[in-house]
PDB file of N, CA and C in Angstrom:
ATOM      1  N   MET A   1       2.612  -0.016  -6.582  1.00  0.00           N
ATOM      2  CA  MET A   1       2.604   1.055  -5.574  1.00  0.00           C
ATOM      3  C   MET A   1       1.427   2.054  -5.889  1.00  0.00           C
ATOM      4  N   THR A   2       1.285   2.424  -7.137  1.00  0.00           N
ATOM      5  CA  THR A   2       0.259   3.330  -7.461  1.00  0.00           C
ATOM      6  C   THR A   2      -1.131   2.758  -7.170  1.00  0.00           C
ATOM      7  N   PHE A   3      -1.301   1.459  -7.413  1.00  0.00           N
ATOM      8  CA  PHE A   3      -2.554   0.731  -7.137  1.00  0.00           C
ATOM      9  C   PHE A   3      -2.898   0.808  -5.681  1.00  0.00           C
ATOM     10  N   CYS A   4      -1.823   0.606  -4.770  1.00  0.00           N
ATOM     11  CA  CYS A   4      -1.994   0.728  -3.408  1.00  0.00           C
ATOM     12  C   CYS A   4      -2.325   2.115  -2.904  1.00  0.00           C
ATOM     13  N   PHE A   5      -1.786   3.130  -3.535  1.00  0.00           N
ATOM     14  CA  PHE A   5      -2.074   4.503  -3.313  1.00  0.00           C
ATOM     15  C   PHE A   5      -3.522   4.801  -3.596  1.00  0.00           C
ATOM     16  N   ILE A   6      -3.922   4.440  -4.762  1.00  0.00           N
ATOM     17  CA  ILE A   6      -5.371   4.687  -5.099  1.00  0.00           C
ATOM     18  C   ILE A   6      -6.374   3.921  -4.092  1.00  0.00           C
ATOM     19  N   GLN A   7      -6.039   2.698  -3.774  1.00  0.00           N
ATOM     20  CA  GLN A   7      -6.882   1.975  -2.858  1.00  0.00           C
ATOM     21  C   GLN A   7      -6.898   2.675  -1.478  1.00  0.00           C
ATOM     22  N   ALA A   8      -5.717   3.214  -1.023  1.00  0.00           N
ATOM     23  CA  ALA A   8      -5.603   3.861   0.265  1.00  0.00           C
ATOM     24  C   ALA A   8      -6.507   5.207   0.242  1.00  0.00           C
ATOM     25  N   LEU A   9      -6.486   5.927  -0.827  1.00  0.00           N
ATOM     26  CA  LEU A   9      -7.301   7.087  -0.901  1.00  0.00           C
ATOM     27  C   LEU A   9      -8.760   6.769  -0.853  1.00  0.00           C
ATOM     28  N   GLU A  10      -9.162   5.673  -1.563  1.00  0.00           N
ATOM     29  CA  GLU A  10     -10.570   5.330  -1.550  1.00  0.00           C
ATOM     30  C   GLU A  10     -10.956   4.786  -0.177  1.00  0.00           C
ATOM     31  N   ARG A  11     -10.173   4.075   0.503  1.00  0.00           N
ATOM     32  CA  ARG A  11     -10.493   3.513   1.851  1.00  0.00           C
ATOM     33  C   ARG A  11     -10.521   4.547   2.972  1.00  0.00           C
ATOM     34  N   CYS A  12      -9.565   5.414   2.945  1.00  0.00           N
ATOM     35  CA  CYS A  12      -9.361   6.467   3.968  1.00  0.00           C
ATOM     36  C   CYS A  12     -10.429   7.594   3.918  1.00  0.00           C
ATOM     37  N   GLY A  13     -10.810   7.872   2.769  1.00  0.00           N
ATOM     38  CA  GLY A  13     -11.891   8.969   2.581  1.00  0.00           C
ATOM     39  C   GLY A  13     -11.258  10.371   2.662  1.00  0.00           C
ATOM     40  N   PRO A  14     -12.213  11.337   2.624  1.00  0.00           N
ATOM     41  CA  PRO A  14     -11.758  12.759   2.412  1.00  0.00           C
ATOM     42  C   PRO A  14     -10.960  13.301   3.654  1.00  0.00           C
ATOM     43  N   GLY A  15     -11.139  12.722   4.862  1.00  0.00           N
ATOM     44  CA  GLY A  15     -10.418  13.280   6.025  1.00  0.00           C
ATOM     45  C   GLY A  15      -9.072  12.585   6.237  1.00  0.00           C
ATOM     46  N   ALA A  16      -8.605  11.933   5.305  1.00  0.00           N
ATOM     47  CA  ALA A  16      -7.369  11.210   5.513  1.00  0.00           C
ATOM     48  C   ALA A  16      -6.079  12.072   5.795  1.00  0.00           C
ATOM     49  N   THR A  17      -5.282  11.554   6.618  1.00  0.00           N
ATOM     50  CA  THR A  17      -3.953  12.231   6.855  1.00  0.00           C
ATOM     51  C   THR A  17      -2.866  11.542   6.037  1.00  0.00           C
ATOM     52  N   TYR A  18      -1.682  12.052   5.956  1.00  0.00           N
ATOM     53  CA  TYR A  18      -0.658  11.422   5.275  1.00  0.00           C
ATOM     54  C   TYR A  18      -0.288  10.090   5.870  1.00  0.00           C
ATOM     55  N   GLY A  19      -0.304  10.121   7.219  1.00  0.00           N
ATOM     56  CA  GLY A  19      -0.043   8.882   8.045  1.00  0.00           C
ATOM     57  C   GLY A  19      -0.989   7.760   7.770  1.00  0.00           C
ATOM     58  N   THR A  20      -2.247   8.031   7.704  1.00  0.00           N
ATOM     59  CA  THR A  20      -3.249   6.936   7.488  1.00  0.00           C
ATOM     60  C   THR A  20      -3.257   6.429   6.105  1.00  0.00           C
ATOM     61  N   ILE A  21      -2.912   7.259   5.135  1.00  0.00           N
ATOM     62  CA  ILE A  21      -2.620   6.806   3.789  1.00  0.00           C
ATOM     63  C   ILE A  21      -1.441   5.875   3.642  1.00  0.00           C
ATOM     64  N   LEU A  22      -0.291   6.308   4.284  1.00  0.00           N
ATOM     65  CA  LEU A  22       0.960   5.370   4.250  1.00  0.00           C
ATOM     66  C   LEU A  22       0.596   4.130   5.012  1.00  0.00           C
ATOM     67  N   THR A  23      -0.055   4.102   6.140  1.00  0.00           N
ATOM     68  CA  THR A  23      -0.406   2.907   6.814  1.00  0.00           C
ATOM     69  C   THR A  23      -1.318   1.994   5.978  1.00  0.00           C
ATOM     70  N   SER A  24      -2.272   2.552   5.296  1.00  0.00           N
ATOM     71  CA  SER A  24      -3.106   1.821   4.517  1.00  0.00           C
ATOM     72  C   SER A  24      -2.351   1.193   3.273  1.00  0.00           C
ATOM     73  N   MET A  25      -1.470   1.876   2.720  1.00  0.00           N
ATOM     74  CA  MET A  25      -0.566   1.391   1.622  1.00  0.00           C
ATOM     75  C   MET A  25       0.218   0.299   2.109  1.00  0.00           C
ATOM     76  N   ARG A  26       0.850   0.302   3.251  1.00  0.00           N
ATOM     77  CA  ARG A  26       1.708  -0.680   3.791  1.00  0.00           C
ATOM     78  C   ARG A  26       0.891  -1.993   3.984  1.00  0.00           C
ATOM     79  N   SER A  27      -0.363  -1.789   4.516  1.00  0.00           N
ATOM     80  CA  SER A  27      -1.227  -2.895   4.762  1.00  0.00           C
ATOM     81  C   SER A  27      -1.529  -3.532   3.490  1.00  0.00           C
ATOM     82  N   ALA A  28      -1.853  -2.883   2.458  1.00  0.00           N
ATOM     83  CA  ALA A  28      -2.258  -3.436   1.156  1.00  0.00           C
ATOM     84  C   ALA A  28      -1.188  -4.265   0.534  1.00  0.00           C
ATOM     85  N   ILE A  29       0.099  -3.687   0.651  1.00  0.00           N
ATOM     86  CA  ILE A  29       1.222  -4.354   0.175  1.00  0.00           C
ATOM     87  C   ILE A  29       1.473  -5.654   0.952  1.00  0.00           C
ATOM     88  N   LYS A  30       1.417  -5.663   2.256  1.00  0.00           N
ATOM     89  CA  LYS A  30       1.673  -6.785   3.019  1.00  0.00           C
ATOM     90  C   LYS A  30       0.561  -7.862   2.730  1.00  0.00           C
ATOM     91  N   ASN A  31      -0.671  -7.393   2.590  1.00  0.00           N
ATOM     92  CA  ASN A  31      -1.755  -8.429   2.312  1.00  0.00           C
ATOM     93  C   ASN A  31      -1.583  -9.013   0.944  1.00  0.00           C
ATOM     94  N   ALA A  32      -1.101  -8.275  -0.062  1.00  0.00           N
ATOM     95  CA  ALA A  32      -0.842  -8.794  -1.372  1.00  0.00           C
ATOM     96  C   ALA A  32       0.292  -9.833  -1.320  1.00  0.00           C
ATOM     97  N   GLY A  33       1.317  -9.563  -0.560  1.00  0.00           N
ATOM     98  CA  GLY A  33       2.499 -10.401  -0.416  1.00  0.00           C
ATOM     99  C   GLY A  33       2.237 -11.729   0.264  1.00  0.00           C
ATOM    100  N   SER A  34       1.280 -11.662   1.229  1.00  0.00           N
ATOM    101  CA  SER A  34       0.900 -12.933   1.957  1.00  0.00           C
ATOM    102  C   SER A  34      -0.290 -13.614   1.389  1.00  0.00           C
ATOM    103  N   GLY A  35      -0.728 -13.094   0.270  1.00  0.00           N
ATOM    104  CA  GLY A  35      -1.973 -13.781  -0.285  1.00  0.00           C
ATOM    105  C   GLY A  35      -3.212 -13.396   0.437  1.00  0.00           C
ATOM    106  N   GLY A  36      -3.288 -12.195   1.095  1.00  0.00           N
ATOM    107  CA  GLY A  36      -4.402 -11.763   1.788  1.00  0.00           C
ATOM    108  C   GLY A  36      -5.635 -11.433   0.971  1.00  0.00           C
ATOM    109  N   SER A  37      -5.442 -11.326  -0.273  1.00  0.00           N
ATOM    110  CA  SER A  37      -6.567 -11.026  -1.100  1.00  0.00           C
ATOM    111  C   SER A  37      -7.506 -12.185  -1.342  1.00  0.00           C
ATOM    112  N   GLY A  38      -6.968 -13.416  -1.157  1.00  0.00           N
ATOM    113  CA  GLY A  38      -7.818 -14.581  -1.066  1.00  0.00           C
ATOM    114  C   GLY A  38      -8.382 -15.095  -2.432  1.00  0.00           C
ATOM    115  N   GLY A  39      -8.172 -14.368  -3.476  1.00  0.00           N
ATOM    116  CA  GLY A  39      -8.798 -14.798  -4.753  1.00  0.00           C
ATOM    117  C   GLY A  39      -8.218 -16.032  -5.347  1.00  0.00           C
ATOM    118  N   GLY A  40      -6.887 -15.910  -5.667  1.00  0.00           N
ATOM    119  CA  GLY A  40      -6.147 -16.935  -6.249  1.00  0.00           C
ATOM    120  C   GLY A  40      -6.344 -17.103  -7.728  1.00  0.00           C
ATOM    121  N   ASP A  41      -7.013 -16.194  -8.477  1.00  0.00           N
ATOM    122  CA  ASP A  41      -7.253 -16.166  -9.876  1.00  0.00           C
ATOM    123  C   ASP A  41      -6.074 -15.461 -10.545  1.00  0.00           C
ATOM    124  N   VAL A  42      -6.021 -15.490 -11.795  1.00  0.00           N
ATOM    125  CA  VAL A  42      -4.882 -14.906 -12.573  1.00  0.00           C
ATOM    126  C   VAL A  42      -4.678 -13.374 -12.262  1.00  0.00           C
ATOM    127  N   VAL A  43      -5.826 -12.651 -12.278  1.00  0.00           N
ATOM    128  CA  VAL A  43      -5.733 -11.259 -11.973  1.00  0.00           C
ATOM    129  C   VAL A  43      -5.098 -10.988 -10.584  1.00  0.00           C
ATOM    130  N   THR A  44      -5.615 -11.711  -9.558  1.00  0.00           N
ATOM    131  CA  THR A  44      -5.046 -11.520  -8.250  1.00  0.00           C
ATOM    132  C   THR A  44      -3.604 -11.861  -8.167  1.00  0.00           C
ATOM    133  N   SER A  45      -3.245 -12.992  -8.910  1.00  0.00           N
ATOM    134  CA  SER A  45      -1.763 -13.393  -8.941  1.00  0.00           C
ATOM    135  C   SER A  45      -0.969 -12.232  -9.600  1.00  0.00           C
ATOM    136  N   LEU A  46      -1.419 -11.614 -10.653  1.00  0.00           N
ATOM    137  CA  LEU A  46      -0.741 -10.664 -11.397  1.00  0.00           C
ATOM    138  C   LEU A  46      -0.627  -9.364 -10.443  1.00  0.00           C
ATOM    139  N   ILE A  47      -1.593  -8.946  -9.795  1.00  0.00           N
ATOM    140  CA  ILE A  47      -1.545  -7.845  -8.961  1.00  0.00           C
ATOM    141  C   ILE A  47      -0.619  -8.052  -7.792  1.00  0.00           C
ATOM    142  N   SER A  48      -0.618  -9.304  -7.247  1.00  0.00           N
ATOM    143  CA  SER A  48       0.271  -9.681  -6.167  1.00  0.00           C
ATOM    144  C   SER A  48       1.666  -9.660  -6.627  1.00  0.00           C
ATOM    145  N   MET A  49       1.915 -10.062  -7.903  1.00  0.00           N
ATOM    146  CA  MET A  49       3.314 -10.055  -8.407  1.00  0.00           C
ATOM    147  C   MET A  49       3.845  -8.640  -8.535  1.00  0.00           C
ATOM    148  N   LEU A  50       2.908  -7.703  -9.038  1.00  0.00           N
ATOM    149  CA  LEU A  50       3.270  -6.303  -9.279  1.00  0.00           C
ATOM    150  C   LEU A  50       3.541  -5.583  -7.949  1.00  0.00           C
ATOM    151  N   LEU A  51       2.741  -5.944  -6.943  1.00  0.00           N
ATOM    152  CA  LEU A  51       2.895  -5.228  -5.598  1.00  0.00           C
ATOM    153  C   LEU A  51       4.121  -5.766  -4.769  1.00  0.00           C
ATOM    154  N   THR A  52       4.473  -6.946  -5.074  1.00  0.00           N
ATOM    155  CA  THR A  52       5.612  -7.561  -4.286  1.00  0.00           C
ATOM    156  C   THR A  52       6.941  -7.524  -4.999  1.00  0.00           C
ATOM    157  N   GLY A  53       6.936  -6.855  -6.155  1.00  0.00           N
ATOM    158  CA  GLY A  53       8.225  -6.721  -6.891  1.00  0.00           C
ATOM    159  C   GLY A  53       8.461  -7.763  -7.940  1.00  0.00           C
ATOM    160  N   GLY A  54       7.370  -8.476  -8.475  1.00  0.00           N
ATOM    161  CA  GLY A  54       7.492  -9.319  -9.497  1.00  0.00           C
ATOM    162  C   GLY A  54       7.613 -10.799  -9.223  1.00  0.00           C
ATOM    163  N   SER A  55       7.449 -11.179  -8.015  1.00  0.00           N
ATOM    164  CA  SER A  55       7.610 -12.607  -7.543  1.00  0.00           C
ATOM    165  C   SER A  55       6.517 -13.112  -6.766  1.00  0.00           C
ATOM    166  N   LEU A  56       5.989 -14.221  -7.099  1.00  0.00           N
ATOM    167  CA  LEU A  56       4.917 -14.774  -6.301  1.00  0.00           C
ATOM    168  C   LEU A  56       5.318 -15.346  -5.034  1.00  0.00           C
ATOM    169  N   SER A  57       6.566 -15.732  -4.936  1.00  0.00           N
ATOM    170  CA  SER A  57       7.114 -16.237  -3.666  1.00  0.00           C
ATOM    171  C   SER A  57       8.090 -15.256  -3.063  1.00  0.00           C
ATOM    172  N   ALA A  58       7.742 -14.046  -2.971  1.00  0.00           N
ATOM    173  CA  ALA A  58       8.703 -13.048  -2.541  1.00  0.00           C
ATOM    174  C   ALA A  58       8.983 -13.072  -1.054  1.00  0.00           C
ATOM    175  N   GLY A  59       8.129 -13.600  -0.289  1.00  0.00           N
ATOM    176  CA  GLY A  59       8.397 -13.818   1.100  1.00  0.00           C
ATOM    177  C   GLY A  59       8.529 -12.567   1.959  1.00  0.00           C
ATOM    178  N   GLY A  60       7.603 -11.661   1.815  1.00  0.00           N
ATOM    179  CA  GLY A  60       7.637 -10.436   2.724  1.00  0.00           C
ATOM    180  C   GLY A  60       7.545  -9.174   1.899  1.00  0.00           C
ATOM    181  N   LEU A  61       7.527  -8.110   2.624  1.00  0.00           N
ATOM    182  CA  LEU A  61       7.400  -6.752   2.058  1.00  0.00           C
ATOM    183  C   LEU A  61       8.682  -6.413   1.274  1.00  0.00           C
ATOM    184  N   ARG A  62       8.523  -6.148   0.001  1.00  0.00           N
ATOM    185  CA  ARG A  62       9.679  -5.757  -0.777  1.00  0.00           C
ATOM    186  C   ARG A  62       9.590  -4.244  -1.234  1.00  0.00           C
ATOM    187  N   GLN A  63       8.402  -3.670  -1.035  1.00  0.00           N
ATOM    188  CA  GLN A  63       8.265  -2.200  -1.272  1.00  0.00           C
ATOM    189  C   GLN A  63       7.867  -1.532  -0.024  1.00  0.00           C
ATOM    190  N   GLU A  64       8.354  -0.397   0.183  1.00  0.00           N
ATOM    191  CA  GLU A  64       8.038   0.483   1.338  1.00  0.00           C
ATOM    192  C   GLU A  64       7.532   1.816   0.943  1.00  0.00           C
ATOM    193  N   PRO A  65       6.315   2.167   1.101  1.00  0.00           N
ATOM    194  CA  PRO A  65       5.846   3.474   0.784  1.00  0.00           C
ATOM    195  C   PRO A  65       6.455   4.463   1.642  1.00  0.00           C
ATOM    196  N   GLN A  66       6.954   5.630   1.084  1.00  0.00           N
ATOM    197  CA  GLN A  66       7.610   6.617   1.802  1.00  0.00           C
ATOM    198  C   GLN A  66       7.117   8.002   1.465  1.00  0.00           C
ATOM    199  N   LEU A  67       7.425   8.968   2.373  1.00  0.00           N
ATOM    200  CA  LEU A  67       6.946  10.390   2.100  1.00  0.00           C
ATOM    201  C   LEU A  67       8.152  11.266   2.278  1.00  0.00           C
ATOM    202  N   THR A  68       8.384  12.226   1.415  1.00  0.00           N
ATOM    203  CA  THR A  68       9.444  13.162   1.602  1.00  0.00           C
ATOM    204  C   THR A  68       8.792  14.564   1.471  1.00  0.00           C
ATOM    205  N   ALA A  69       9.404  15.446   2.244  1.00  0.00           N
ATOM    206  CA  ALA A  69       8.945  16.795   2.373  1.00  0.00           C
ATOM    207  C   ALA A  69      10.151  17.765   2.584  1.00  0.00           C
ATOM    208  N   CYS A  70       9.908  19.064   2.304  1.00  0.00           N
ATOM    209  CA  CYS A  70      10.981  20.035   2.597  1.00  0.00           C
ATOM    210  C   CYS A  70      11.111  20.413   4.047  1.00  0.00           C
ATOM    211  N   GLU A  71      10.081  20.090   4.876  1.00  0.00           N
ATOM    212  CA  GLU A  71      10.102  20.404   6.259  1.00  0.00           C
ATOM    213  C   GLU A  71       9.351  19.348   7.064  1.00  0.00           C
ATOM    214  N   ALA A  72       9.735  19.163   8.280  1.00  0.00           N
ATOM    215  CA  ALA A  72       9.118  18.136   9.160  1.00  0.00           C
ATOM    216  C   ALA A  72       7.712  18.509   9.536  1.00  0.00           C
ATOM    217  N   PHE A  73       6.774  17.520   9.653  1.00  0.00           N
ATOM    218  CA  PHE A  73       5.470  17.664  10.064  1.00  0.00           C
ATOM    219  C   PHE A  73       4.934  16.435  10.641  1.00  0.00           C
ATOM    220  N   ASP A  74       3.858  16.504  11.421  1.00  0.00           N
ATOM    221  CA  ASP A  74       3.237  15.305  12.024  1.00  0.00           C
ATOM    222  C   ASP A  74       2.286  14.652  10.919  1.00  0.00           C
ATOM    223  N   VAL A  75       2.746  13.541  10.470  1.00  0.00           N
ATOM    224  CA  VAL A  75       1.974  12.861   9.323  1.00  0.00           C
ATOM    225  C   VAL A  75       0.636  12.436   9.770  1.00  0.00           C
ATOM    226  N   TYR A  76       0.361  12.271  11.084  1.00  0.00           N
ATOM    227  CA  TYR A  76      -0.921  11.796  11.546  1.00  0.00           C
ATOM    228  C   TYR A  76      -1.900  12.883  11.951  1.00  0.00           C
ATOM    229  N   ARG A  77      -1.461  14.199  11.787  1.00  0.00           N
ATOM    230  CA  ARG A  77      -2.306  15.274  12.010  1.00  0.00           C
ATOM    231  C   ARG A  77      -2.551  16.106  10.703  1.00  0.00           C
ATOM    232  N   LYS A  78      -1.617  16.169   9.828  1.00  0.00           N
ATOM    233  CA  LYS A  78      -1.706  16.987   8.666  1.00  0.00           C
ATOM    234  C   LYS A  78      -2.666  16.199   7.628  1.00  0.00           C
ATOM    235  N   PRO A  79      -3.706  16.870   7.271  1.00  0.00           N
ATOM    236  CA  PRO A  79      -4.674  16.161   6.282  1.00  0.00           C
ATOM    237  C   PRO A  79      -4.002  16.168   4.782  1.00  0.00           C
ATOM    238  N   PHE A  80      -4.355  15.212   4.083  1.00  0.00           N
ATOM    239  CA  PHE A  80      -3.742  15.047   2.697  1.00  0.00           C
ATOM    240  C   PHE A  80      -4.418  16.129   1.790  1.00  0.00           C
TER     241      PHE A  80
END
């Protein structure tokens, strides 16, 4: 999950909102679970296992990035 968070921050850039970061994290997890990284080497397999909860044949999203706050706000308008 931390790896996806760092990737999301790098991809979204300085103007990122909480919503775009969460969307990017979800996308990275789904891609790792479906083999979307395309490498197939040991490192790619290990990262995929870590992102999908420790199983190469996980069959779907097993982790869901979430955000908690003490008050409601629009995640697609508030900058990170």
